[in-house]
N, C-alpha and C. Protein backbone atom coordinates (compact mmCIF):
# COMPACT_ATOMS: atom_id res chain seq x y z
N MET A 1 1.45 -1.12 0.13
CA MET A 1 0.05 0.39 -0.56
C MET A 1 0.86 0.92 -0.35
N HIS A 2 0.66 2.06 -0.51
CA HIS A 2 0.79 3.75 -0.28
C HIS A 2 0.02 4.89 -0.29
N TYR A 3 0.82 5.16 0.36
CA TYR A 3 -0.08 6.06 1.16
C TYR A 3 1.06 8.07 1.22
N ASP A 4 0.53 9.14 0.19
CA ASP A 4 0.70 10.35 0.47
C ASP A 4 0.11 11.36 1.45
N ILE A 5 0.49 11.48 1.86
CA ILE A 5 -0.09 12.40 3.35
C ILE A 5 0.11 13.75 3.62
N VAL A 6 -0.52 14.21 3.14
CA VAL A 6 -0.22 16.05 2.83
C VAL A 6 -1.04 16.79 3.86
N GLY A 7 0.23 17.56 4.33
CA GLY A 7 -1.07 18.86 6.01
C GLY A 7 0.02 19.15 6.15
N PRO A 8 -0.40 19.93 7.25
CA PRO A 8 0.25 21.24 7.47
C PRO A 8 1.81 20.93 8.48
N PHE A 9 1.44 20.11 8.68
CA PHE A 9 2.16 19.43 9.72
C PHE A 9 3.41 18.21 9.87
N THR A 10 2.87 17.52 8.02
CA THR A 10 3.17 16.42 7.08
C THR A 10 4.85 16.55 6.60
N HIS A 11 4.95 17.76 6.08
CA HIS A 11 5.69 18.29 4.92
C HIS A 11 5.74 17.44 4.11
N ASN A 12 4.38 16.92 3.65
CA ASN A 12 4.39 15.74 2.73
C ASN A 12 4.81 14.59 2.75
N LEU A 13 4.65 13.71 3.47
CA LEU A 13 5.24 13.00 4.01
C LEU A 13 4.71 11.60 3.47
N THR A 14 5.54 10.54 2.54
CA THR A 14 4.99 8.93 2.47
C THR A 14 5.09 7.63 3.11
N ILE A 15 3.70 7.32 2.90
CA ILE A 15 3.94 6.22 3.70
C ILE A 15 4.45 5.11 3.27
N ILE A 16 4.78 3.95 3.25
CA ILE A 16 4.67 2.76 2.02
C ILE A 16 4.92 1.57 2.57
N GLU A 17 3.81 1.13 2.77
CA GLU A 17 3.66 -0.41 3.45
C GLU A 17 3.90 -1.37 2.71
N ASP A 18 4.63 -2.14 3.28
CA ASP A 18 5.02 -3.40 2.42
C ASP A 18 4.27 -4.98 3.09
N ILE A 19 3.80 -5.16 2.85
CA ILE A 19 2.90 -6.20 3.11
C ILE A 19 3.02 -7.59 2.17
N THR A 20 3.55 -8.27 2.70
CA THR A 20 3.97 -9.81 1.66
C THR A 20 2.38 -10.95 1.85
N MET A 21 2.67 -11.14 0.84
CA MET A 21 1.02 -12.35 1.05
C MET A 21 1.51 -13.57 1.05
N GLN A 22 1.00 -14.45 1.90
CA GLN A 22 1.07 -15.60 2.90
C GLN A 22 1.16 -15.99 1.55
N VAL A 23 1.15 -17.82 1.92
CA VAL A 23 0.24 -18.67 0.50
C VAL A 23 0.45 -19.93 1.62
N ILE A 24 -0.77 -20.96 1.27
CA ILE A 24 -0.70 -22.09 1.84
C ILE A 24 -1.49 -22.68 0.80
N LYS A 25 -1.11 -24.03 0.43
CA LYS A 25 -1.76 -25.43 -0.64
C LYS A 25 -1.98 -26.02 0.07
N ILE A 26 -3.24 -25.66 -0.92
CA ILE A 26 -4.46 -26.49 -0.19
C ILE A 26 -5.21 -27.69 -0.86
N LYS A 27 -5.40 -28.15 -0.39
CA LYS A 27 -5.73 -30.37 -1.15
C LYS A 27 -7.01 -30.75 -1.09
N GLY A 28 -7.67 -30.48 -2.42
CA GLY A 28 -9.29 -30.77 -1.90
C GLY A 28 -10.65 -30.12 -2.94
N MET A 29 -9.83 -29.01 -3.20
CA MET A 29 -10.54 -28.04 -4.00
C MET A 29 -11.22 -28.50 -5.29
N SER A 30 -12.46 -28.69 -5.53
CA SER A 30 -12.46 -28.92 -7.17
C SER A 30 -13.37 -28.09 -7.82
N CYS A 31 -14.04 -27.19 -7.50
CA CYS A 31 -14.94 -25.84 -8.22
C CYS A 31 -15.02 -24.67 -7.52
N GLN A 32 -16.02 -24.11 -8.42
CA GLN A 32 -15.74 -22.54 -7.93
C GLN A 32 -16.36 -22.95 -6.32
N HIS A 33 -17.13 -23.72 -5.77
CA HIS A 33 -17.89 -23.51 -4.59
C HIS A 33 -16.93 -23.72 -3.98
N CYS A 34 -16.17 -24.24 -3.49
CA CYS A 34 -15.02 -24.69 -3.48
C CYS A 34 -14.11 -23.39 -2.54
N VAL A 35 -13.40 -22.77 -3.61
CA VAL A 35 -12.97 -21.07 -3.79
C VAL A 35 -13.33 -20.68 -2.90
N ALA A 36 -15.24 -19.94 -2.90
CA ALA A 36 -16.04 -19.32 -2.64
C ALA A 36 -15.92 -19.52 -1.00
N SER A 37 -16.05 -20.85 -0.61
CA SER A 37 -15.66 -20.78 0.51
C SER A 37 -14.65 -20.97 1.13
N THR A 38 -14.48 -21.40 1.01
CA THR A 38 -12.32 -21.19 1.66
C THR A 38 -12.19 -19.17 1.12
N THR A 39 -12.40 -18.75 0.84
CA THR A 39 -12.65 -17.54 0.65
C THR A 39 -12.78 -16.88 1.73
N LYS A 40 -14.04 -17.19 2.06
CA LYS A 40 -15.23 -16.49 2.88
C LYS A 40 -14.67 -17.05 4.49
N ALA A 41 -14.41 -18.45 4.71
CA ALA A 41 -13.61 -18.62 5.44
C ALA A 41 -12.05 -17.82 5.77
N LEU A 42 -11.36 -17.32 4.88
CA LEU A 42 -10.43 -16.41 5.27
C LEU A 42 -10.25 -15.47 5.43
N GLU A 43 -11.66 -14.85 4.78
CA GLU A 43 -12.06 -13.71 5.16
C GLU A 43 -12.48 -12.57 6.67
N GLU A 44 -13.51 -13.97 7.10
CA GLU A 44 -13.54 -13.70 8.40
C GLU A 44 -12.76 -14.07 9.39
N LEU A 45 -11.43 -14.34 9.49
CA LEU A 45 -10.49 -14.63 10.27
C LEU A 45 -9.98 -13.30 10.70
N PRO A 46 -10.07 -12.75 11.60
CA PRO A 46 -9.41 -11.25 12.47
C PRO A 46 -7.91 -11.13 11.87
N GLY A 47 -7.82 -10.04 11.53
CA GLY A 47 -6.32 -9.61 11.21
C GLY A 47 -6.15 -10.67 9.23
N VAL A 48 -6.93 -11.14 9.09
CA VAL A 48 -6.37 -11.26 7.22
C VAL A 48 -7.10 -10.50 7.07
N SER A 49 -6.49 -9.59 5.81
CA SER A 49 -7.60 -8.34 4.74
C SER A 49 -6.94 -8.83 3.10
N ARG A 50 -6.93 -9.11 2.55
CA ARG A 50 -7.03 -9.31 0.97
C ARG A 50 -6.58 -11.44 1.44
N VAL A 51 -7.64 -11.41 0.09
CA VAL A 51 -7.28 -12.94 -0.04
C VAL A 51 -8.10 -13.74 -1.62
N SER A 52 -6.79 -14.24 -2.11
CA SER A 52 -6.82 -14.81 -3.73
C SER A 52 -6.94 -16.65 -3.37
N VAL A 53 -7.74 -16.72 -3.66
CA VAL A 53 -7.84 -18.52 -4.46
C VAL A 53 -8.02 -18.69 -4.99
N ASP A 54 -6.27 -19.89 -5.73
CA ASP A 54 -6.75 -20.08 -7.16
C ASP A 54 -6.90 -21.24 -6.76
N LEU A 55 -7.49 -21.74 -7.59
CA LEU A 55 -8.46 -23.24 -7.96
C LEU A 55 -7.35 -23.91 -8.90
N GLU A 56 -6.66 -23.67 -9.91
CA GLU A 56 -6.02 -24.73 -10.48
C GLU A 56 -4.69 -24.48 -10.14
N ALA A 57 -4.39 -23.72 -8.50
CA ALA A 57 -2.67 -24.03 -8.00
C ALA A 57 -3.08 -24.29 -6.90
N GLY A 58 -4.36 -24.91 -6.21
CA GLY A 58 -4.51 -25.78 -5.83
C GLY A 58 -3.90 -24.53 -4.55
N GLU A 59 -4.38 -23.40 -3.99
CA GLU A 59 -3.22 -22.75 -2.82
C GLU A 59 -4.58 -21.21 -2.46
N ALA A 60 -3.58 -21.09 -0.96
CA ALA A 60 -4.78 -19.18 -1.22
C ALA A 60 -3.58 -18.22 -0.87
N LYS A 61 -3.71 -17.72 -1.11
CA LYS A 61 -3.05 -16.04 -1.19
C LYS A 61 -3.61 -14.83 -0.25
N TYR A 62 -2.75 -14.95 0.86
CA TYR A 62 -3.64 -13.87 2.34
C TYR A 62 -2.66 -12.60 2.34
N GLU A 63 -3.25 -12.03 2.95
CA GLU A 63 -2.51 -11.03 3.38
C GLU A 63 -2.90 -10.91 5.60
N GLY A 64 -1.82 -10.79 5.76
CA GLY A 64 -2.80 -10.22 7.25
C GLY A 64 -1.06 -11.06 8.55
N ASP A 65 -1.62 -10.04 9.22
CA ASP A 65 -0.26 -10.44 10.81
C ASP A 65 -1.33 -11.50 11.31
N ILE A 66 -1.70 -12.90 10.93
CA ILE A 66 -1.94 -14.07 11.69
C ILE A 66 -0.79 -15.23 11.56
N ASP A 67 -1.07 -16.23 12.86
CA ASP A 67 -0.57 -17.14 13.35
C ASP A 67 -0.92 -18.43 11.99
N LYS A 68 -0.38 -19.25 10.63
CA LYS A 68 -0.46 -19.68 9.87
C LYS A 68 -1.21 -20.90 10.19
N ALA A 69 -1.46 -21.75 11.07
CA ALA A 69 -1.86 -22.93 12.50
C ALA A 69 -3.56 -22.03 12.44
N VAL A 70 -3.59 -21.36 12.56
CA VAL A 70 -5.33 -20.52 12.62
C VAL A 70 -5.49 -20.77 10.82
N VAL A 71 -4.61 -20.39 10.13
CA VAL A 71 -5.56 -19.96 8.92
C VAL A 71 -6.00 -21.86 8.64
N SER A 72 -4.44 -22.52 8.42
CA SER A 72 -5.02 -23.57 8.65
C SER A 72 -6.37 -24.40 8.97
N SER A 73 -6.66 -24.00 10.36
CA SER A 73 -7.26 -24.51 11.21
C SER A 73 -8.80 -24.31 10.32
N ALA A 74 -8.60 -23.39 10.20
CA ALA A 74 -10.15 -22.43 9.46
C ALA A 74 -10.18 -23.10 7.80
N ILE A 75 -9.48 -23.76 6.97
CA ILE A 75 -9.63 -24.22 6.13
C ILE A 75 -9.79 -25.67 6.31
N GLU A 76 -9.60 -26.58 7.24
CA GLU A 76 -9.72 -27.92 7.77
C GLU A 76 -10.79 -28.30 8.20
N LYS A 77 -11.59 -27.30 9.09
CA LYS A 77 -12.60 -26.63 9.28
C LYS A 77 -13.93 -27.26 8.85
N ILE A 78 -13.28 -26.32 7.02
CA ILE A 78 -14.78 -26.79 5.96
C ILE A 78 -14.74 -27.60 5.30
N GLY A 79 -12.91 -28.73 5.56
CA GLY A 79 -12.84 -29.79 4.85
C GLY A 79 -12.15 -29.84 3.67
N PHE A 80 -11.36 -28.99 3.72
CA PHE A 80 -9.98 -29.19 2.70
C PHE A 80 -8.49 -30.04 3.23
N GLU A 81 -7.62 -29.83 2.84
CA GLU A 81 -6.83 -30.48 3.93
C GLU A 81 -5.30 -29.22 3.29
N VAL A 82 -4.52 -29.25 4.32
CA VAL A 82 -3.78 -28.13 3.59
C VAL A 82 -2.12 -28.61 3.65
N ILE A 83 -1.77 -28.66 2.64
CA ILE A 83 -0.56 -29.21 2.26
C ILE A 83 0.95 -28.70 2.62
N GLU A 84 1.67 -29.24 4.06
CA GLU A 84 3.26 -28.31 4.31
C GLU A 84 3.97 -28.69 3.60
């Protein structure tokens, strides 16, 4: 993310937030409903911001400050297997 902050006390301050996408491999997804379920499960986790699930690659990418075990548990709770 990139923010330009302009104001009387900021002297045209620019803040660049470097957030890395985390990737988790998933086994068992076979359709777009699986993608939607996985996306919803991850988006509902506190601390997760952006989510992208790729059916063909069998993976989910997400941004956020959250323990990977919590993400894995959410995926397994909806019936899929996380590949370590």
